[in-house]
N, C-alpha and C. Protein backbone atom coordinates (compact mmCIF):
# COMPACT_ATOMS: atom_id res chain seq x y z
N MET A 1 -61.48 -69.86 9.69
CA MET A 1 -61.53 -68.08 10.47
C MET A 1 -60.57 -68.50 11.19
N LEU A 2 -60.17 -68.89 11.72
CA LEU A 2 -59.61 -68.93 13.24
C LEU A 2 -57.82 -68.42 13.14
N PRO A 3 -57.38 -68.38 12.15
CA PRO A 3 -56.40 -67.88 11.68
C PRO A 3 -56.81 -65.67 11.62
N HIS A 4 -57.63 -65.27 11.51
CA HIS A 4 -57.91 -64.26 11.47
C HIS A 4 -58.84 -63.95 12.75
N LEU A 5 -58.25 -64.26 14.23
CA LEU A 5 -58.69 -64.24 15.10
C LEU A 5 -57.95 -62.97 15.66
N GLY A 6 -56.81 -62.32 15.57
CA GLY A 6 -56.41 -61.46 16.08
C GLY A 6 -56.40 -59.95 15.50
N ALA A 7 -56.92 -60.36 13.83
CA ALA A 7 -57.16 -59.00 13.20
C ALA A 7 -59.06 -59.08 13.62
N ALA A 8 -59.73 -60.02 13.66
CA ALA A 8 -61.34 -60.15 14.56
C ALA A 8 -61.12 -59.02 15.95
N PHE A 9 -60.19 -59.01 16.81
CA PHE A 9 -59.92 -58.87 18.07
C PHE A 9 -59.26 -57.28 17.95
N THR A 10 -58.30 -57.13 17.05
CA THR A 10 -57.70 -55.67 17.06
C THR A 10 -59.14 -54.67 17.02
N LEU A 11 -59.56 -54.87 15.49
CA LEU A 11 -60.69 -54.52 15.05
C LEU A 11 -62.10 -53.95 16.18
N ALA A 12 -62.10 -55.15 17.06
CA ALA A 12 -63.26 -54.56 18.22
C ALA A 12 -62.63 -54.04 18.95
N ARG A 13 -61.60 -54.20 19.43
CA ARG A 13 -61.05 -53.34 20.64
C ARG A 13 -60.89 -52.07 20.12
N TYR A 14 -60.39 -51.88 18.81
CA TYR A 14 -60.44 -50.02 18.47
C TYR A 14 -61.90 -49.79 18.10
N LEU A 15 -62.86 -50.64 17.96
CA LEU A 15 -63.56 -50.24 18.18
C LEU A 15 -64.69 -49.78 19.52
N LEU A 16 -64.51 -51.25 20.24
CA LEU A 16 -65.42 -50.16 21.48
C LEU A 16 -64.65 -49.97 22.77
N ARG A 17 -62.85 -50.42 22.25
CA ARG A 17 -62.25 -49.58 23.45
C ARG A 17 -62.36 -50.18 24.82
N GLU A 18 -62.89 -51.62 25.17
CA GLU A 18 -62.89 -52.11 26.13
C GLU A 18 -62.48 -53.22 25.58
N PRO A 19 -61.10 -54.11 26.44
CA PRO A 19 -60.55 -54.87 25.66
C PRO A 19 -61.76 -56.24 26.35
N ALA A 20 -62.48 -56.27 27.34
CA ALA A 20 -63.59 -57.34 27.68
C ALA A 20 -64.60 -57.38 26.55
N ASP A 21 -65.16 -55.98 26.03
CA ASP A 21 -66.42 -56.13 25.30
C ASP A 21 -65.50 -56.70 24.27
N ALA A 22 -64.12 -56.43 23.96
CA ALA A 22 -64.09 -56.89 22.46
C ALA A 22 -63.93 -58.25 22.56
N GLU A 23 -63.39 -58.76 23.51
CA GLU A 23 -63.61 -59.99 23.56
C GLU A 23 -65.00 -60.84 23.57
N ASP A 24 -65.70 -60.37 24.55
CA ASP A 24 -67.59 -60.57 24.06
C ASP A 24 -68.19 -60.62 22.84
N ALA A 25 -67.51 -59.59 22.18
CA ALA A 25 -67.92 -58.98 20.71
C ALA A 25 -67.38 -60.01 19.99
N VAL A 26 -66.19 -61.20 19.86
CA VAL A 26 -65.60 -61.12 19.00
C VAL A 26 -66.08 -62.68 19.32
N GLN A 27 -66.73 -63.02 20.15
CA GLN A 27 -67.36 -64.34 20.56
C GLN A 27 -68.47 -64.52 19.88
N ASP A 28 -68.97 -63.60 19.74
CA ASP A 28 -70.66 -63.24 19.18
C ASP A 28 -70.03 -63.41 17.74
N ALA A 29 -69.07 -62.71 16.76
CA ALA A 29 -69.13 -62.71 15.61
C ALA A 29 -68.62 -64.20 15.23
N TYR A 30 -68.18 -64.91 16.00
CA TYR A 30 -67.44 -65.91 15.39
C TYR A 30 -68.95 -66.90 15.24
N LEU A 31 -69.58 -67.02 16.61
CA LEU A 31 -70.76 -67.42 16.67
C LEU A 31 -71.40 -67.18 15.20
N GLN A 32 -71.78 -66.08 15.02
CA GLN A 32 -72.75 -65.42 13.96
C GLN A 32 -71.87 -65.96 12.78
N ALA A 33 -70.37 -66.14 12.44
CA ALA A 33 -69.70 -66.50 11.07
C ALA A 33 -69.84 -67.82 11.39
N LEU A 34 -70.40 -68.75 12.28
CA LEU A 34 -70.83 -70.27 12.16
C LEU A 34 -71.74 -70.43 11.37
N ARG A 35 -72.92 -69.65 12.09
CA ARG A 35 -74.24 -69.78 11.94
C ARG A 35 -74.60 -69.27 10.57
N HIS A 36 -73.96 -68.41 9.99
CA HIS A 36 -73.95 -67.83 9.19
C HIS A 36 -72.92 -68.25 7.62
N PHE A 37 -72.20 -69.60 8.27
CA PHE A 37 -71.28 -69.94 6.97
C PHE A 37 -72.28 -70.27 5.59
N GLY A 38 -72.99 -70.73 5.75
CA GLY A 38 -73.40 -71.32 4.42
C GLY A 38 -73.60 -70.10 3.36
N GLY A 39 -73.93 -68.84 3.92
CA GLY A 39 -73.64 -67.79 2.88
C GLY A 39 -72.26 -67.38 2.56
N PHE A 40 -71.40 -68.31 3.33
CA PHE A 40 -69.64 -67.94 2.60
C PHE A 40 -69.40 -68.04 1.33
N ARG A 41 -69.01 -67.38 0.54
CA ARG A 41 -69.03 -67.99 -1.02
C ARG A 41 -67.67 -68.30 -1.31
N GLY A 42 -66.55 -68.54 -0.70
CA GLY A 42 -65.20 -68.67 -0.91
C GLY A 42 -64.60 -67.22 -1.02
N GLU A 43 -64.98 -66.14 -1.17
CA GLU A 43 -64.92 -65.08 -1.54
C GLU A 43 -63.40 -64.47 -0.26
N ASN A 44 -62.91 -63.18 -0.28
CA ASN A 44 -61.89 -62.90 0.82
C ASN A 44 -62.59 -63.65 2.70
N ALA A 45 -62.08 -64.41 3.28
CA ALA A 45 -62.52 -64.55 4.05
C ALA A 45 -62.37 -63.55 5.73
N ARG A 46 -61.38 -63.33 5.47
CA ARG A 46 -60.49 -61.98 6.40
C ARG A 46 -61.77 -60.86 6.75
N ALA A 47 -61.87 -60.20 4.85
CA ALA A 47 -62.87 -59.05 4.69
C ALA A 47 -64.39 -59.57 5.57
N TRP A 48 -64.75 -60.89 4.94
CA TRP A 48 -66.35 -61.53 5.48
C TRP A 48 -66.46 -60.93 6.98
N LEU A 49 -65.47 -62.03 7.61
CA LEU A 49 -65.02 -62.27 9.03
C LEU A 49 -65.20 -60.73 9.96
N LEU A 50 -64.71 -59.78 9.06
CA LEU A 50 -64.26 -58.37 9.59
C LEU A 50 -65.89 -57.62 9.86
N MET A 51 -66.67 -57.89 8.34
CA MET A 51 -67.83 -57.17 8.19
C MET A 51 -68.30 -57.82 9.41
N ILE A 52 -68.64 -58.90 9.62
CA ILE A 52 -69.26 -59.11 10.64
C ILE A 52 -69.25 -58.57 11.80
N VAL A 53 -67.46 -58.85 12.28
CA VAL A 53 -67.36 -58.00 13.80
C VAL A 53 -67.58 -57.14 13.96
N ARG A 54 -67.40 -56.12 12.86
CA ARG A 54 -68.07 -54.80 12.58
C ARG A 54 -69.75 -55.00 13.44
N ARG A 55 -70.14 -55.14 12.31
CA ARG A 55 -71.60 -55.28 12.81
C ARG A 55 -72.06 -55.18 14.48
N VAL A 56 -71.27 -56.52 14.72
CA VAL A 56 -71.73 -56.90 16.45
C VAL A 56 -70.92 -56.14 17.23
N CYS A 57 -69.81 -55.62 16.73
CA CYS A 57 -69.53 -54.11 17.53
C CYS A 57 -70.21 -53.04 17.71
N TYR A 58 -70.78 -52.42 16.26
CA TYR A 58 -71.86 -51.48 16.40
C TYR A 58 -73.15 -51.96 17.04
N ALA A 59 -73.54 -53.22 16.97
CA ALA A 59 -74.88 -53.40 17.96
C ALA A 59 -73.88 -53.66 19.52
N TRP A 60 -73.23 -53.79 19.31
CA TRP A 60 -73.09 -53.55 20.87
C TRP A 60 -72.72 -51.84 21.63
N ALA A 61 -72.19 -51.18 20.86
CA ALA A 61 -72.49 -49.88 20.88
C ALA A 61 -73.69 -48.85 20.82
N ASP A 62 -74.39 -49.55 20.13
CA ASP A 62 -76.19 -49.43 20.23
C ASP A 62 -76.20 -49.62 21.46
N ARG A 63 -76.08 -51.03 21.90
CA ARG A 63 -76.93 -51.33 23.09
C ARG A 63 -76.13 -50.45 24.60
N GLY A 64 -75.27 -50.04 24.26
CA GLY A 64 -74.51 -48.79 25.21
C GLY A 64 -73.65 -50.03 25.84
N ARG A 65 -73.08 -50.61 25.72
CA ARG A 65 -72.31 -51.80 26.35
C ARG A 65 -70.69 -51.01 26.71
N ARG A 66 -70.47 -49.98 26.09
CA ARG A 66 -69.34 -49.56 26.15
C ARG A 66 -68.93 -48.86 27.78
N HIS A 67 -67.57 -48.77 28.11
CA HIS A 67 -66.97 -47.94 29.39
C HIS A 67 -66.18 -47.66 29.23
N GLY A 68 -65.89 -46.30 29.73
CA GLY A 68 -64.80 -45.55 29.64
C GLY A 68 -64.13 -44.90 28.63
N ASP A 69 -62.67 -44.81 28.14
CA ASP A 69 -61.92 -44.13 27.26
C ASP A 69 -60.42 -44.62 27.58
N PRO A 70 -60.58 -46.07 27.28
CA PRO A 70 -58.98 -46.01 27.88
C PRO A 70 -58.13 -46.20 26.45
N THR A 71 -56.75 -45.70 26.67
CA THR A 71 -56.18 -46.15 25.95
C THR A 71 -54.99 -47.02 25.91
N ASP A 72 -54.38 -47.63 25.47
CA ASP A 72 -53.60 -49.51 25.17
C ASP A 72 -52.37 -48.51 23.85
N PRO A 73 -51.34 -48.49 24.37
CA PRO A 73 -50.58 -48.18 23.15
C PRO A 73 -49.99 -49.55 22.94
N GLU A 74 -49.95 -50.05 23.37
CA GLU A 74 -49.46 -51.52 23.33
C GLU A 74 -50.02 -52.37 21.71
N LEU A 75 -51.47 -51.82 21.76
CA LEU A 75 -52.30 -52.07 20.56
C LEU A 75 -51.89 -51.64 19.19
N LEU A 76 -51.02 -51.20 19.09
CA LEU A 76 -50.22 -50.33 18.06
C LEU A 76 -48.97 -51.28 17.78
N ASP A 77 -48.71 -51.46 16.63
CA ASP A 77 -47.69 -52.21 16.34
C ASP A 77 -46.12 -51.97 16.80
N GLU A 78 -45.49 -52.52 17.35
CA GLU A 78 -44.40 -52.38 18.34
C GLU A 78 -43.30 -52.32 16.68
N LEU A 79 -42.54 -51.36 16.64
CA LEU A 79 -41.59 -50.55 15.58
C LEU A 79 -40.80 -51.82 16.30
N PRO A 80 -39.63 -51.66 14.95
CA PRO A 80 -38.54 -53.36 15.09
C PRO A 80 -37.59 -52.47 16.02
N ASP A 81 -36.52 -53.81 17.06
CA ASP A 81 -36.33 -53.44 18.01
C ASP A 81 -34.66 -53.46 17.46
N GLY A 82 -33.92 -52.78 17.76
CA GLY A 82 -32.12 -52.67 17.09
C GLY A 82 -31.81 -52.02 18.61
N ALA A 83 -30.24 -51.64 18.68
CA ALA A 83 -29.74 -51.37 19.62
C ALA A 83 -29.49 -50.08 18.91
N GLU A 84 -30.12 -49.68 20.12
CA GLU A 84 -30.65 -48.51 20.55
C GLU A 84 -30.19 -47.65 22.28
N SER A 85 -30.37 -46.54 21.96
CA SER A 85 -29.80 -45.97 23.44
C SER A 85 -31.20 -46.17 23.87
N PRO A 86 -31.22 -46.14 25.38
CA PRO A 86 -32.56 -45.62 26.13
C PRO A 86 -33.59 -44.89 26.32
N GLU A 87 -32.57 -43.66 25.66
CA GLU A 87 -33.45 -41.82 25.34
C GLU A 87 -34.03 -42.55 24.43
N THR A 88 -33.84 -43.20 23.26
CA THR A 88 -34.51 -43.13 21.84
C THR A 88 -35.58 -44.21 22.24
N GLU A 89 -35.45 -45.12 22.85
CA GLU A 89 -36.69 -45.90 22.84
C GLU A 89 -37.57 -45.53 23.54
N LEU A 90 -37.28 -44.59 24.77
CA LEU A 90 -37.71 -43.89 25.58
C LEU A 90 -39.19 -42.66 24.47
N LEU A 91 -38.40 -42.32 23.30
CA LEU A 91 -38.86 -41.57 22.56
C LEU A 91 -39.67 -42.32 21.60
N ARG A 92 -39.28 -43.34 21.01
CA ARG A 92 -40.26 -44.12 20.68
C ARG A 92 -41.43 -44.58 21.21
N GLY A 93 -41.78 -44.90 22.71
CA GLY A 93 -42.59 -45.39 23.14
C GLY A 93 -43.41 -44.35 23.66
N GLU A 94 -42.96 -42.79 23.53
CA GLU A 94 -43.80 -41.43 23.95
C GLU A 94 -44.49 -41.40 22.70
N LEU A 95 -43.92 -41.41 21.35
CA LEU A 95 -44.63 -41.70 20.17
C LEU A 95 -45.63 -42.65 20.04
N GLN A 96 -45.42 -43.84 20.46
CA GLN A 96 -46.25 -44.69 19.97
C GLN A 96 -47.55 -44.31 20.64
N SER A 97 -47.44 -44.05 21.98
CA SER A 97 -48.55 -43.80 23.49
C SER A 97 -49.13 -42.51 22.65
N GLN A 98 -48.59 -40.98 22.11
CA GLN A 98 -49.23 -40.28 21.45
C GLN A 98 -49.64 -40.58 20.08
N LEU A 99 -49.56 -41.67 19.55
CA LEU A 99 -50.47 -42.28 18.08
C LEU A 99 -51.47 -42.84 18.45
N ALA A 100 -51.79 -43.54 19.72
CA ALA A 100 -52.62 -44.15 20.05
C ALA A 100 -53.98 -43.50 20.54
N ARG A 101 -53.09 -42.30 21.27
CA ARG A 101 -54.50 -42.06 21.93
C ARG A 101 -54.94 -40.89 20.70
N ALA A 102 -54.13 -40.83 20.38
CA ALA A 102 -54.81 -39.96 18.79
C ALA A 102 -55.45 -40.40 17.98
N VAL A 103 -55.31 -41.71 17.65
CA VAL A 103 -56.43 -42.89 16.81
C VAL A 103 -57.29 -43.27 17.66
N GLU A 104 -57.49 -43.63 18.99
CA GLU A 104 -58.59 -43.33 20.46
C GLU A 104 -59.57 -42.35 19.97
N ALA A 105 -58.89 -41.18 19.88
CA ALA A 105 -59.79 -39.78 19.79
C ALA A 105 -60.44 -39.56 18.27
N LEU A 106 -60.27 -39.95 17.38
CA LEU A 106 -60.92 -40.04 16.01
C LEU A 106 -62.39 -40.91 16.23
N PRO A 107 -63.20 -40.10 15.77
CA PRO A 107 -65.01 -40.48 15.55
C PRO A 107 -64.51 -42.08 14.63
N LEU A 108 -65.50 -42.83 15.24
CA LEU A 108 -65.48 -43.73 14.71
C LEU A 108 -65.59 -44.42 12.89
N PRO A 109 -65.95 -43.56 12.62
CA PRO A 109 -65.93 -44.01 11.07
C PRO A 109 -64.17 -43.98 10.70
N PHE A 110 -63.89 -42.99 10.74
CA PHE A 110 -62.30 -42.62 10.55
C PHE A 110 -61.31 -43.85 11.68
N ARG A 111 -61.65 -43.93 12.83
CA ARG A 111 -60.88 -45.07 13.77
C ARG A 111 -60.85 -46.41 12.82
N GLU A 112 -61.84 -46.90 12.22
CA GLU A 112 -62.44 -47.84 11.64
C GLU A 112 -61.45 -47.88 10.13
N ALA A 113 -61.80 -46.69 9.72
CA ALA A 113 -61.06 -46.97 8.70
C ALA A 113 -59.35 -46.94 8.50
N ILE A 114 -59.10 -45.88 9.39
CA ILE A 114 -57.50 -46.42 9.79
C ILE A 114 -57.20 -47.27 10.01
N VAL A 115 -57.59 -47.93 11.46
CA VAL A 115 -57.73 -49.43 11.74
C VAL A 115 -57.47 -49.97 10.74
N LEU A 116 -58.15 -50.80 10.22
CA LEU A 116 -58.50 -51.74 8.97
C LEU A 116 -57.58 -51.33 7.74
N ARG A 117 -57.19 -49.88 7.46
CA ARG A 117 -56.18 -49.92 6.37
C ARG A 117 -54.70 -49.86 7.05
N GLU A 118 -53.98 -49.54 8.41
CA GLU A 118 -53.02 -49.02 8.85
C GLU A 118 -52.37 -50.25 9.66
N ILE A 119 -54.03 -50.91 10.05
CA ILE A 119 -53.28 -52.03 10.83
C ILE A 119 -53.91 -53.16 10.86
N GLN A 120 -54.98 -53.56 10.23
CA GLN A 120 -55.37 -54.29 9.30
C GLN A 120 -54.52 -54.53 7.94
N GLU A 121 -54.50 -53.77 7.27
CA GLU A 121 -53.46 -53.69 6.12
C GLU A 121 -54.36 -54.04 5.31
N LEU A 122 -55.72 -53.94 5.06
CA LEU A 122 -56.93 -54.20 4.04
C LEU A 122 -56.21 -53.57 2.53
N SER A 123 -56.70 -53.73 1.69
CA SER A 123 -57.17 -52.82 0.28
C SER A 123 -58.51 -51.75 0.72
N TYR A 124 -58.31 -50.71 0.34
CA TYR A 124 -59.44 -50.08 -0.11
C TYR A 124 -61.13 -50.65 -0.43
N GLN A 125 -60.76 -51.57 -1.39
CA GLN A 125 -61.86 -52.43 -2.01
C GLN A 125 -62.44 -53.47 -0.74
N GLU A 126 -61.31 -53.88 -0.23
CA GLU A 126 -61.55 -55.11 1.48
C GLU A 126 -62.35 -53.93 2.03
N ILE A 127 -61.68 -52.28 2.65
CA ILE A 127 -62.28 -52.20 3.77
C ILE A 127 -63.83 -51.54 2.89
N ALA A 128 -64.40 -51.22 1.88
CA ALA A 128 -65.71 -50.88 1.57
C ALA A 128 -66.26 -52.31 1.65
N VAL A 129 -66.13 -53.64 1.53
CA VAL A 129 -66.73 -54.48 1.38
C VAL A 129 -67.09 -54.74 3.04
N VAL A 130 -65.79 -54.48 3.82
CA VAL A 130 -66.24 -54.72 5.49
C VAL A 130 -67.39 -53.59 6.11
N THR A 131 -66.56 -52.39 5.77
CA THR A 131 -67.72 -51.10 6.16
C THR A 131 -69.17 -51.04 5.46
N GLY A 132 -69.20 -51.29 4.32
CA GLY A 132 -70.16 -51.07 3.61
C GLY A 132 -70.87 -49.72 2.79
N VAL A 133 -69.44 -49.14 2.67
CA VAL A 133 -69.57 -48.29 2.04
C VAL A 133 -68.76 -47.71 0.67
N PRO A 134 -68.94 -47.20 -0.60
CA PRO A 134 -68.09 -46.83 -1.51
C PRO A 134 -66.67 -47.09 -1.44
N VAL A 135 -65.91 -47.59 -2.15
CA VAL A 135 -64.24 -46.79 -2.01
C VAL A 135 -63.91 -45.05 -1.91
N GLY A 136 -64.95 -44.55 -2.89
CA GLY A 136 -63.89 -43.36 -2.57
C GLY A 136 -64.44 -42.63 -1.04
N THR A 137 -66.00 -43.19 -0.83
CA THR A 137 -65.76 -42.75 0.80
C THR A 137 -64.65 -43.60 1.75
N VAL A 138 -64.22 -44.34 1.42
CA VAL A 138 -63.31 -45.42 2.06
C VAL A 138 -62.20 -44.59 2.01
N MET A 139 -61.83 -43.87 0.91
CA MET A 139 -60.79 -42.64 0.44
C MET A 139 -60.48 -41.77 1.50
N SER A 140 -61.85 -41.04 1.37
CA SER A 140 -62.17 -39.63 2.21
C SER A 140 -61.80 -39.90 3.45
N ARG A 141 -62.71 -40.88 3.69
CA ARG A 141 -62.39 -41.24 5.11
C ARG A 141 -60.87 -41.20 5.45
N LEU A 142 -60.12 -42.60 4.42
CA LEU A 142 -58.96 -42.66 5.32
C LEU A 142 -57.95 -40.96 5.02
N SER A 143 -58.20 -40.39 3.74
CA SER A 143 -57.78 -38.86 4.05
C SER A 143 -57.59 -38.08 5.22
N ARG A 144 -59.08 -38.16 5.77
CA ARG A 144 -59.05 -37.35 6.60
C ARG A 144 -59.00 -37.48 7.78
N ALA A 145 -58.93 -38.54 8.10
CA ALA A 145 -58.32 -39.84 9.33
C ALA A 145 -56.82 -38.70 9.37
N ARG A 146 -56.04 -39.07 8.56
CA ARG A 146 -54.36 -38.97 7.91
C ARG A 146 -54.51 -37.72 8.72
N ARG A 147 -55.18 -36.38 7.80
CA ARG A 147 -55.27 -35.29 8.35
C ARG A 147 -55.23 -35.23 9.73
N ARG A 148 -56.54 -35.72 10.46
CA ARG A 148 -56.68 -35.46 11.89
C ARG A 148 -55.42 -35.80 12.35
N LEU A 149 -54.27 -37.14 12.00
CA LEU A 149 -53.64 -38.10 13.02
C LEU A 149 -52.49 -36.80 13.21
N GLN A 150 -51.96 -36.32 11.86
CA GLN A 150 -51.07 -35.19 11.69
C GLN A 150 -51.02 -34.48 12.31
N ARG A 151 -52.96 -33.49 12.24
CA ARG A 151 -53.08 -32.51 13.28
C ARG A 151 -52.83 -32.46 14.76
N ALA A 152 -52.84 -33.74 15.30
CA ALA A 152 -52.53 -34.01 16.53
C ALA A 152 -51.02 -34.30 16.63
N LEU A 153 -50.78 -34.98 16.30
CA LEU A 153 -49.52 -35.11 16.68
C LEU A 153 -48.55 -34.07 16.39
N GLU A 154 -48.90 -32.72 15.51
CA GLU A 154 -48.17 -31.74 15.15
C GLU A 154 -48.36 -31.06 16.76
N ALA A 155 -49.87 -30.97 17.07
CA ALA A 155 -50.35 -30.33 18.31
C ALA A 155 -49.37 -30.73 19.32
N GLN A 156 -49.04 -31.64 19.39
CA GLN A 156 -48.16 -32.47 20.39
C GLN A 156 -46.53 -31.95 20.43
N GLY A 157 -46.29 -31.26 19.47
CA GLY A 157 -44.90 -31.76 19.30
C GLY A 157 -43.95 -32.47 18.78
N MET A 158 -45.07 -33.31 17.69
CA MET A 158 -44.22 -34.73 17.43
C MET A 158 -44.31 -34.71 15.90
N GLY A 159 -45.13 -34.41 15.27
CA GLY A 159 -45.26 -34.43 14.29
C GLY A 159 -44.32 -33.66 12.89
N GLY A 160 -44.76 -33.72 11.80
CA GLY A 160 -43.35 -32.88 10.94
C GLY A 160 -43.89 -33.04 9.47
């Protein structure tokens, strides 16, 4: 399960919004995974682990352990580097920052779906397994989340 540590932390970070809480939640999730490893049947290890991370994060949120609403644009994948002007790099950084704020502002089910699909690159079926909802619901949440993101970026003058 260690190769999936980065994916686990990214999901936890987006769900809990606090890096320290995300680290603790991932640690709890790995302990649960270890305790329940006998129930793992060799299916997709990444999806199985992310399902546990998701459950732990929801339990943390239910206990009210979240604090604040920070945004961390560095969590989004970096765009490829190239020989660009400082102005281009500044604009790219601003777009990443606005996109991160727009993702953070999404309601939890939409934020979760976007993170699992666009950042973690899980298939619709894998997302359905992780979230415990039908594939049709996954597709609906992704569609609605993408529309909200597009509207948010257009409102900021960055979409098109």
